[in-house]
Amino acid sequence: MLRLLSLTSEQGPPRSVELSHKIAGEIWELIAGRLRVLWFYDEGRVIVCTHGFVKRTRKTPTSEIDRAQAAYREYRAAKWTRNLRVMEE
């Protein structure tokens, strides 16, 4: 997964839908086996990862997509109001 993130930041999303594809709006999915990371681009090819999860069903759960879209909206709002903070967990 780290290799995929690094390549994506340097070269854009992998061209293979088996490794990455857009799943909703500005939200992309990186795929490494059953591990999934949902993310979106910011300016300058900055990748903002919203979260990762282990995919247990054939279709990406709507709750995971909703969570990523909420993070995207919060990020954009914080950036617009210049209240963007980077927090480590």
PDB file of N, CA and C in Angstrom:
ATOM      1  N   MET A   1       0.832  -1.185   0.000  1.00  0.00           N
ATOM      2  CA  MET A   1       0.000   0.000   0.000  1.00  0.00           C
ATOM      3  C   MET A   1       0.882   1.255   0.000  1.00  0.00           C
ATOM      4  N   LEU A   2       1.951   1.260   0.782  1.00  0.00           N
ATOM      5  CA  LEU A   2       2.835   2.436   0.799  1.00  0.00           C
ATOM      6  C   LEU A   2       3.463   2.681  -0.570  1.00  0.00           C
ATOM      7  N   ARG A   3       3.806   1.603  -1.263  1.00  0.00           N
ATOM      8  CA  ARG A   3       4.373   1.738  -2.608  1.00  0.00           C
ATOM      9  C   ARG A   3       3.341   2.351  -3.550  1.00  0.00           C
ATOM     10  N   LEU A   4       2.097   1.895  -3.454  1.00  0.00           N
ATOM     11  CA  LEU A   4       1.034   2.456  -4.283  1.00  0.00           C
ATOM     12  C   LEU A   4       0.818   3.939  -4.006  1.00  0.00           C
ATOM     13  N   LEU A   5       0.822   4.322  -2.742  1.00  0.00           N
ATOM     14  CA  LEU A   5       0.655   5.736  -2.388  1.00  0.00           C
ATOM     15  C   LEU A   5       1.795   6.575  -2.941  1.00  0.00           C
ATOM     16  N   SER A   6       3.008   6.075  -2.824  1.00  0.00           N
ATOM     17  CA  SER A   6       4.168   6.797  -3.323  1.00  0.00           C
ATOM     18  C   SER A   6       4.098   6.964  -4.845  1.00  0.00           C
ATOM     19  N   LEU A   7       3.803   5.889  -5.548  1.00  0.00           N
ATOM     20  CA  LEU A   7       3.697   5.967  -7.011  1.00  0.00           C
ATOM     21  C   LEU A   7       2.566   6.892  -7.444  1.00  0.00           C
ATOM     22  N   THR A   8       1.455   6.844  -6.739  1.00  0.00           N
ATOM     23  CA  THR A   8       0.322   7.691  -7.083  1.00  0.00           C
ATOM     24  C   THR A   8       0.660   9.160  -6.913  1.00  0.00           C
ATOM     25  N   SER A   9       1.394   9.493  -5.855  1.00  0.00           N
ATOM     26  CA  SER A   9       1.753  10.893  -5.635  1.00  0.00           C
ATOM     27  C   SER A   9       2.727  11.400  -6.696  1.00  0.00           C
ATOM     28  N   GLU A  10       3.551  10.498  -7.230  1.00  0.00           N
ATOM     29  CA  GLU A  10       4.540  10.896  -8.230  1.00  0.00           C
ATOM     30  C   GLU A  10       4.004  10.836  -9.660  1.00  0.00           C
ATOM     31  N   GLN A  11       3.175   9.835  -9.957  1.00  0.00           N
ATOM     32  CA  GLN A  11       2.789   9.581 -11.340  1.00  0.00           C
ATOM     33  C   GLN A  11       1.282   9.651 -11.593  1.00  0.00           C
ATOM     34  N   GLY A  12       0.503   9.917 -10.563  1.00  0.00           N
ATOM     35  CA  GLY A  12      -0.946   9.877 -10.719  1.00  0.00           C
ATOM     36  C   GLY A  12      -1.450   8.485 -10.418  1.00  0.00           C
ATOM     37  N   PRO A  13      -2.762   8.330 -10.440  1.00  0.00           N
ATOM     38  CA  PRO A  13      -3.324   7.023 -10.098  1.00  0.00           C
ATOM     39  C   PRO A  13      -2.870   5.940 -11.067  1.00  0.00           C
ATOM     40  N   PRO A  14      -2.686   4.727 -10.576  1.00  0.00           N
ATOM     41  CA  PRO A  14      -2.335   3.629 -11.486  1.00  0.00           C
ATOM     42  C   PRO A  14      -3.401   3.490 -12.567  1.00  0.00           C
ATOM     43  N   ARG A  15      -2.986   3.128 -13.743  1.00  0.00           N
ATOM     44  CA  ARG A  15      -3.928   3.006 -14.859  1.00  0.00           C
ATOM     45  C   ARG A  15      -4.734   1.711 -14.793  1.00  0.00           C
ATOM     46  N   SER A  16      -4.335   0.818 -13.948  1.00  0.00           N
ATOM     47  CA  SER A  16      -5.038  -0.450 -13.800  1.00  0.00           C
ATOM     48  C   SER A  16      -6.165  -0.308 -12.781  1.00  0.00           C
ATOM     49  N   VAL A  17      -7.389  -0.632 -13.191  1.00  0.00           N
ATOM     50  CA  VAL A  17      -8.516  -0.552 -12.255  1.00  0.00           C
ATOM     51  C   VAL A  17      -8.400  -1.608 -11.164  1.00  0.00           C
ATOM     52  N   GLU A  18      -7.488  -2.551 -11.321  1.00  0.00           N
ATOM     53  CA  GLU A  18      -7.254  -3.548 -10.275  1.00  0.00           C
ATOM     54  C   GLU A  18      -6.457  -2.952  -9.114  1.00  0.00           C
ATOM     55  N   LEU A  19      -5.811  -1.797  -9.335  1.00  0.00           N
ATOM     56  CA  LEU A  19      -5.012  -1.151  -8.295  1.00  0.00           C
ATOM     57  C   LEU A  19      -5.634   0.127  -7.765  1.00  0.00           C
ATOM     58  N   SER A  20      -6.364   0.829  -8.605  1.00  0.00           N
ATOM     59  CA  SER A  20      -6.953   2.095  -8.182  1.00  0.00           C
ATOM     60  C   SER A  20      -8.049   2.508  -9.151  1.00  0.00           C
ATOM     61  N   HIS A  21      -9.087   3.113  -8.602  1.00  0.00           N
ATOM     62  CA  HIS A  21     -10.123   3.681  -9.448  1.00  0.00           C
ATOM     63  C   HIS A  21     -10.933   4.686  -8.654  1.00  0.00           C
ATOM     64  N   LYS A  22     -11.580   5.573  -9.390  1.00  0.00           N
ATOM     65  CA  LYS A  22     -12.445   6.580  -8.787  1.00  0.00           C
ATOM     66  C   LYS A  22     -13.749   5.885  -8.413  1.00  0.00           C
ATOM     67  N   ILE A  23     -14.209   6.099  -7.166  1.00  0.00           N
ATOM     68  CA  ILE A  23     -15.427   5.398  -6.760  1.00  0.00           C
ATOM     69  C   ILE A  23     -16.625   6.316  -6.579  1.00  0.00           C
ATOM     70  N   ALA A  24     -16.385   7.599  -6.300  1.00  0.00           N
ATOM     71  CA  ALA A  24     -17.506   8.531  -6.137  1.00  0.00           C
ATOM     72  C   ALA A  24     -16.968   9.951  -6.108  1.00  0.00           C
ATOM     73  N   GLY A  25     -17.480  10.811  -6.987  1.00  0.00           N
ATOM     74  CA  GLY A  25     -17.049  12.206  -6.991  1.00  0.00           C
ATOM     75  C   GLY A  25     -15.541  12.322  -7.093  1.00  0.00           C
ATOM     76  N   GLU A  26     -14.938  12.941  -6.099  1.00  0.00           N
ATOM     77  CA  GLU A  26     -13.481  13.114  -6.062  1.00  0.00           C
ATOM     78  C   GLU A  26     -12.774  12.022  -5.259  1.00  0.00           C
ATOM     79  N   ILE A  27     -13.497  11.028  -4.833  1.00  0.00           N
ATOM     80  CA  ILE A  27     -12.937   9.971  -3.979  1.00  0.00           C
ATOM     81  C   ILE A  27     -12.410   8.825  -4.832  1.00  0.00           C
ATOM     82  N   TRP A  28     -11.165   8.452  -4.551  1.00  0.00           N
ATOM     83  CA  TRP A  28     -10.490   7.345  -5.218  1.00  0.00           C
ATOM     84  C   TRP A  28     -10.277   6.217  -4.215  1.00  0.00           C
ATOM     85  N   GLU A  29     -10.047   5.023  -4.745  1.00  0.00           N
ATOM     86  CA  GLU A  29      -9.774   3.864  -3.917  1.00  0.00           C
ATOM     87  C   GLU A  29      -8.476   3.224  -4.388  1.00  0.00           C
ATOM     88  N   LEU A  30      -7.548   3.017  -3.464  1.00  0.00           N
ATOM     89  CA  LEU A  30      -6.335   2.250  -3.751  1.00  0.00           C
ATOM     90  C   LEU A  30      -6.565   0.838  -3.231  1.00  0.00           C
ATOM     91  N   ILE A  31      -6.080  -0.149  -3.980  1.00  0.00           N
ATOM     92  CA  ILE A  31      -6.366  -1.547  -3.672  1.00  0.00           C
ATOM     93  C   ILE A  31      -5.067  -2.334  -3.534  1.00  0.00           C
ATOM     94  N   ALA A  32      -4.929  -3.022  -2.411  1.00  0.00           N
ATOM     95  CA  ALA A  32      -3.823  -3.950  -2.192  1.00  0.00           C
ATOM     96  C   ALA A  32      -4.421  -5.184  -1.521  1.00  0.00           C
ATOM     97  N   GLY A  33      -4.797  -6.156  -2.322  1.00  0.00           N
ATOM     98  CA  GLY A  33      -5.487  -7.324  -1.789  1.00  0.00           C
ATOM     99  C   GLY A  33      -6.848  -6.909  -1.262  1.00  0.00           C
ATOM    100  N   ARG A  34      -7.132  -7.255  -0.013  1.00  0.00           N
ATOM    101  CA  ARG A  34      -8.402  -6.842   0.593  1.00  0.00           C
ATOM    102  C   ARG A  34      -8.298  -5.481   1.265  1.00  0.00           C
ATOM    103  N   LEU A  35      -7.091  -4.950   1.377  1.00  0.00           N
ATOM    104  CA  LEU A  35      -6.883  -3.644   2.009  1.00  0.00           C
ATOM    105  C   LEU A  35      -7.249  -2.535   1.035  1.00  0.00           C
ATOM    106  N   ARG A  36      -8.042  -1.577   1.516  1.00  0.00           N
ATOM    107  CA  ARG A  36      -8.452  -0.438   0.717  1.00  0.00           C
ATOM    108  C   ARG A  36      -8.127   0.853   1.451  1.00  0.00           C
ATOM    109  N   VAL A  37      -7.673   1.850   0.714  1.00  0.00           N
ATOM    110  CA  VAL A  37      -7.473   3.194   1.257  1.00  0.00           C
ATOM    111  C   VAL A  37      -8.252   4.145   0.359  1.00  0.00           C
ATOM    112  N   LEU A  38      -9.130   4.934   0.971  1.00  0.00           N
ATOM    113  CA  LEU A  38      -9.889   5.930   0.227  1.00  0.00           C
ATOM    114  C   LEU A  38      -9.168   7.259   0.351  1.00  0.00           C
ATOM    115  N   TRP A  39      -9.113   8.013  -0.742  1.00  0.00           N
ATOM    116  CA  TRP A  39      -8.312   9.232  -0.772  1.00  0.00           C
ATOM    117  C   TRP A  39      -8.846  10.188  -1.824  1.00  0.00           C
ATOM    118  N   PHE A  40      -8.296  11.407  -1.793  1.00  0.00           N
ATOM    119  CA  PHE A  40      -8.588  12.406  -2.817  1.00  0.00           C
ATOM    120  C   PHE A  40      -7.359  13.261  -3.024  1.00  0.00           C
ATOM    121  N   TYR A  41      -7.331  13.958  -4.141  1.00  0.00           N
ATOM    122  CA  TYR A  41      -6.226  14.868  -4.454  1.00  0.00           C
ATOM    123  C   TYR A  41      -6.485  16.247  -3.884  1.00  0.00           C
ATOM    124  N   ASP A  42      -5.397  16.916  -3.497  1.00  0.00           N
ATOM    125  CA  ASP A  42      -5.407  18.346  -3.243  1.00  0.00           C
ATOM    126  C   ASP A  42      -4.470  18.947  -4.282  1.00  0.00           C
ATOM    127  N   GLU A  43      -4.205  20.223  -4.204  1.00  0.00           N
ATOM    128  CA  GLU A  43      -3.347  20.890  -5.173  1.00  0.00           C
ATOM    129  C   GLU A  43      -1.958  20.265  -5.199  1.00  0.00           C
ATOM    130  N   GLY A  44      -1.347  20.271  -6.370  1.00  0.00           N
ATOM    131  CA  GLY A  44       0.023  19.804  -6.500  1.00  0.00           C
ATOM    132  C   GLY A  44       0.198  18.315  -6.294  1.00  0.00           C
ATOM    133  N   ARG A  45      -0.810  17.541  -6.643  1.00  0.00           N
ATOM    134  CA  ARG A  45      -0.752  16.081  -6.498  1.00  0.00           C
ATOM    135  C   ARG A  45      -0.574  15.625  -5.065  1.00  0.00           C
ATOM    136  N   VAL A  46      -1.003  16.441  -4.140  1.00  0.00           N
ATOM    137  CA  VAL A  46      -0.996  16.032  -2.734  1.00  0.00           C
ATOM    138  C   VAL A  46      -2.131  15.031  -2.555  1.00  0.00           C
ATOM    139  N   ILE A  47      -1.813  13.895  -1.957  1.00  0.00           N
ATOM    140  CA  ILE A  47      -2.815  12.876  -1.701  1.00  0.00           C
ATOM    141  C   ILE A  47      -3.262  12.988  -0.255  1.00  0.00           C
ATOM    142  N   VAL A  48      -4.563  13.100  -0.049  1.00  0.00           N
ATOM    143  CA  VAL A  48      -5.130  13.148   1.297  1.00  0.00           C
ATOM    144  C   VAL A  48      -5.889  11.844   1.490  1.00  0.00           C
ATOM    145  N   CYS A  49      -5.360  11.000   2.360  1.00  0.00           N
ATOM    146  CA  CYS A  49      -6.009   9.722   2.651  1.00  0.00           C
ATOM    147  C   CYS A  49      -7.050   9.948   3.731  1.00  0.00           C
ATOM    148  N   THR A  50      -8.264   9.499   3.465  1.00  0.00           N
ATOM    149  CA  THR A  50      -9.316   9.671   4.456  1.00  0.00           C
ATOM    150  C   THR A  50      -9.288   8.553   5.474  1.00  0.00           C
ATOM    151  N   HIS A  51      -9.189   7.326   5.010  1.00  0.00           N
ATOM    152  CA  HIS A  51      -9.117   6.180   5.916  1.00  0.00           C
ATOM    153  C   HIS A  51      -8.890   4.905   5.114  1.00  0.00           C
ATOM    154  N   GLY A  52      -8.556   3.869   5.827  1.00  0.00           N
ATOM    155  CA  GLY A  52      -8.385   2.562   5.215  1.00  0.00           C
ATOM    156  C   GLY A  52      -9.293   1.557   5.904  1.00  0.00           C
ATOM    157  N   PHE A  53      -9.547   0.471   5.210  1.00  0.00           N
ATOM    158  CA  PHE A  53     -10.368  -0.590   5.782  1.00  0.00           C
ATOM    159  C   PHE A  53     -10.100  -1.888   5.033  1.00  0.00           C
ATOM    160  N   VAL A  54     -10.521  -2.980   5.626  1.00  0.00           N
ATOM    161  CA  VAL A  54     -10.421  -4.286   4.988  1.00  0.00           C
ATOM    162  C   VAL A  54     -11.770  -4.556   4.325  1.00  0.00           C
ATOM    163  N   LYS A  55     -11.726  -4.773   3.047  1.00  0.00           N
ATOM    164  CA  LYS A  55     -12.961  -5.000   2.292  1.00  0.00           C
ATOM    165  C   LYS A  55     -13.386  -6.457   2.474  1.00  0.00           C
ATOM    166  N   ARG A  56     -14.597  -6.642   2.947  1.00  0.00           N
ATOM    167  CA  ARG A  56     -15.101  -7.980   3.230  1.00  0.00           C
ATOM    168  C   ARG A  56     -16.206  -8.414   2.272  1.00  0.00           C
ATOM    169  N   THR A  57     -16.723  -7.473   1.493  1.00  0.00           N
ATOM    170  CA  THR A  57     -17.789  -7.792   0.549  1.00  0.00           C
ATOM    171  C   THR A  57     -17.349  -7.409  -0.853  1.00  0.00           C
ATOM    172  N   ARG A  58     -18.118  -7.791  -1.817  1.00  0.00           N
ATOM    173  CA  ARG A  58     -17.767  -7.505  -3.212  1.00  0.00           C
ATOM    174  C   ARG A  58     -17.818  -6.018  -3.521  1.00  0.00           C
ATOM    175  N   LYS A  59     -18.807  -5.325  -2.975  1.00  0.00           N
ATOM    176  CA  LYS A  59     -18.993  -3.903  -3.240  1.00  0.00           C
ATOM    177  C   LYS A  59     -18.470  -3.071  -2.068  1.00  0.00           C
ATOM    178  N   THR A  60     -17.880  -1.916  -2.381  1.00  0.00           N
ATOM    179  CA  THR A  60     -17.410  -1.018  -1.322  1.00  0.00           C
ATOM    180  C   THR A  60     -18.618  -0.530  -0.529  1.00  0.00           C
ATOM    181  N   PRO A  61     -18.616  -0.731   0.792  1.00  0.00           N
ATOM    182  CA  PRO A  61     -19.768  -0.314   1.596  1.00  0.00           C
ATOM    183  C   PRO A  61     -20.044   1.183   1.472  1.00  0.00           C
ATOM    184  N   THR A  62     -21.318   1.515   1.364  1.00  0.00           N
ATOM    185  CA  THR A  62     -21.746   2.906   1.252  1.00  0.00           C
ATOM    186  C   THR A  62     -21.264   3.721   2.445  1.00  0.00           C
ATOM    187  N   SER A  63     -21.235   3.100   3.629  1.00  0.00           N
ATOM    188  CA  SER A  63     -20.789   3.822   4.825  1.00  0.00           C
ATOM    189  C   SER A  63     -19.336   4.266   4.702  1.00  0.00           C
ATOM    190  N   GLU A  64     -18.505   3.470   4.049  1.00  0.00           N
ATOM    191  CA  GLU A  64     -17.096   3.838   3.858  1.00  0.00           C
ATOM    192  C   GLU A  64     -16.989   4.996   2.863  1.00  0.00           C
ATOM    193  N   ILE A  65     -17.778   4.955   1.809  1.00  0.00           N
ATOM    194  CA  ILE A  65     -17.773   6.040   0.826  1.00  0.00           C
ATOM    195  C   ILE A  65     -18.291   7.321   1.463  1.00  0.00           C
ATOM    196  N   ASP A  66     -19.373   7.220   2.232  1.00  0.00           N
ATOM    197  CA  ASP A  66     -19.927   8.392   2.921  1.00  0.00           C
ATOM    198  C   ASP A  66     -18.904   9.006   3.869  1.00  0.00           C
ATOM    199  N   ARG A  67     -18.170   8.160   4.577  1.00  0.00           N
ATOM    200  CA  ARG A  67     -17.139   8.641   5.511  1.00  0.00           C
ATOM    201  C   ARG A  67     -16.055   9.413   4.756  1.00  0.00           C
ATOM    202  N   ALA A  68     -15.635   8.898   3.616  1.00  0.00           N
ATOM    203  CA  ALA A  68     -14.597   9.566   2.813  1.00  0.00           C
ATOM    204  C   ALA A  68     -15.117  10.888   2.251  1.00  0.00           C
ATOM    205  N   GLN A  69     -16.364  10.915   1.795  1.00  0.00           N
ATOM    206  CA  GLN A  69     -16.934  12.148   1.257  1.00  0.00           C
ATOM    207  C   GLN A  69     -17.097  13.203   2.345  1.00  0.00           C
ATOM    208  N   ALA A  70     -17.450  12.786   3.549  1.00  0.00           N
ATOM    209  CA  ALA A  70     -17.554  13.732   4.666  1.00  0.00           C
ATOM    210  C   ALA A  70     -16.183  14.323   4.985  1.00  0.00           C
ATOM    211  N   ALA A  71     -15.152  13.475   4.974  1.00  0.00           N
ATOM    212  CA  ALA A  71     -13.794  13.960   5.226  1.00  0.00           C
ATOM    213  C   ALA A  71     -13.365  14.948   4.146  1.00  0.00           C
ATOM    214  N   TYR A  72     -13.736  14.660   2.894  1.00  0.00           N
ATOM    215  CA  TYR A  72     -13.412  15.559   1.782  1.00  0.00           C
ATOM    216  C   TYR A  72     -14.076  16.919   1.990  1.00  0.00           C
ATOM    217  N   ARG A  73     -15.354  16.921   2.339  1.00  0.00           N
ATOM    218  CA  ARG A  73     -16.067  18.192   2.555  1.00  0.00           C
ATOM    219  C   ARG A  73     -15.468  18.965   3.735  1.00  0.00           C
ATOM    220  N   GLU A  74     -15.141  18.276   4.810  1.00  0.00           N
ATOM    221  CA  GLU A  74     -14.541  18.942   5.973  1.00  0.00           C
ATOM    222  C   GLU A  74     -13.177  19.521   5.624  1.00  0.00           C
ATOM    223  N   TYR A  75     -12.395  18.784   4.876  1.00  0.00           N
ATOM    224  CA  TYR A  75     -11.072  19.240   4.458  1.00  0.00           C
ATOM    225  C   TYR A  75     -11.185  20.506   3.613  1.00  0.00           C
ATOM    226  N   ARG A  76     -12.067  20.469   2.606  1.00  0.00           N
ATOM    227  CA  ARG A  76     -12.228  21.628   1.728  1.00  0.00           C
ATOM    228  C   ARG A  76     -12.721  22.852   2.506  1.00  0.00           C
ATOM    229  N   ALA A  77     -13.666  22.641   3.431  1.00  0.00           N
ATOM    230  CA  ALA A  77     -14.182  23.754   4.232  1.00  0.00           C
ATOM    231  C   ALA A  77     -13.084  24.333   5.117  1.00  0.00           C
ATOM    232  N   ALA A  78     -12.302  23.477   5.748  1.00  0.00           N
ATOM    233  CA  ALA A  78     -11.217  23.941   6.619  1.00  0.00           C
ATOM    234  C   ALA A  78     -10.158  24.678   5.803  1.00  0.00           C
ATOM    235  N   LYS A  79      -9.860  24.178   4.628  1.00  0.00           N
ATOM    236  CA  LYS A  79      -8.862  24.840   3.784  1.00  0.00           C
ATOM    237  C   LYS A  79      -9.386  26.202   3.322  1.00  0.00           C
ATOM    238  N   TRP A  80     -10.655  26.272   2.944  1.00  0.00           N
ATOM    239  CA  TRP A  80     -11.263  27.518   2.472  1.00  0.00           C
ATOM    240  C   TRP A  80     -11.233  28.589   3.556  1.00  0.00           C
ATOM    241  N   THR A  81     -11.480  28.191   4.805  1.00  0.00           N
ATOM    242  CA  THR A  81     -11.520  29.152   5.915  1.00  0.00           C
ATOM    243  C   THR A  81     -10.156  29.304   6.591  1.00  0.00           C
ATOM    244  N   ARG A  82      -9.156  28.675   6.020  1.00  0.00           N
ATOM    245  CA  ARG A  82      -7.779  28.721   6.548  1.00  0.00           C
ATOM    246  C   ARG A  82      -7.684  28.190   7.970  1.00  0.00           C
ATOM    247  N   ASN A  83      -8.461  27.162   8.249  1.00  0.00           N
ATOM    248  CA  ASN A  83      -8.451  26.506   9.546  1.00  0.00           C
ATOM    249  C   ASN A  83      -7.983  25.062   9.437  1.00  0.00           C
ATOM    250  N   LEU A  84      -7.230  24.777   8.397  1.00  0.00           N
ATOM    251  CA  LEU A  84      -6.762  23.416   8.159  1.00  0.00           C
ATOM    252  C   LEU A  84      -5.641  23.084   9.151  1.00  0.00           C
ATOM    253  N   ARG A  85      -5.818  21.995   9.872  1.00  0.00           N
ATOM    254  CA  ARG A  85      -4.810  21.512  10.811  1.00  0.00           C
ATOM    255  C   ARG A  85      -4.506  20.060  10.497  1.00  0.00           C
ATOM    256  N   VAL A  86      -3.247  19.695  10.593  1.00  0.00           N
ATOM    257  CA  VAL A  86      -2.846  18.298  10.400  1.00  0.00           C
ATOM    258  C   VAL A  86      -2.736  17.692  11.778  1.00  0.00           C
ATOM    259  N   MET A  87      -3.470  16.601  11.971  1.00  0.00           N
ATOM    260  CA  MET A  87      -3.463  15.910  13.266  1.00  0.00           C
ATOM    261  C   MET A  87      -3.021  14.490  13.077  1.00  0.00           C
ATOM    262  N   GLU A  88      -2.164  14.024  13.938  1.00  0.00           N
ATOM    263  CA  GLU A  88      -1.721  12.635  13.888  1.00  0.00           C
ATOM    264  C   GLU A  88      -2.440  11.856  14.967  1.00  0.00           C
ATOM    265  N   GLU A  89      -2.827  10.647  14.615  1.00  0.00           N
ATOM    266  CA  GLU A  89      -3.515   9.785  15.586  1.00  0.00           C
ATOM    267  C   GLU A  89      -2.577   8.751  16.130  1.00  0.00           C
TER     268      GLU A  89
END
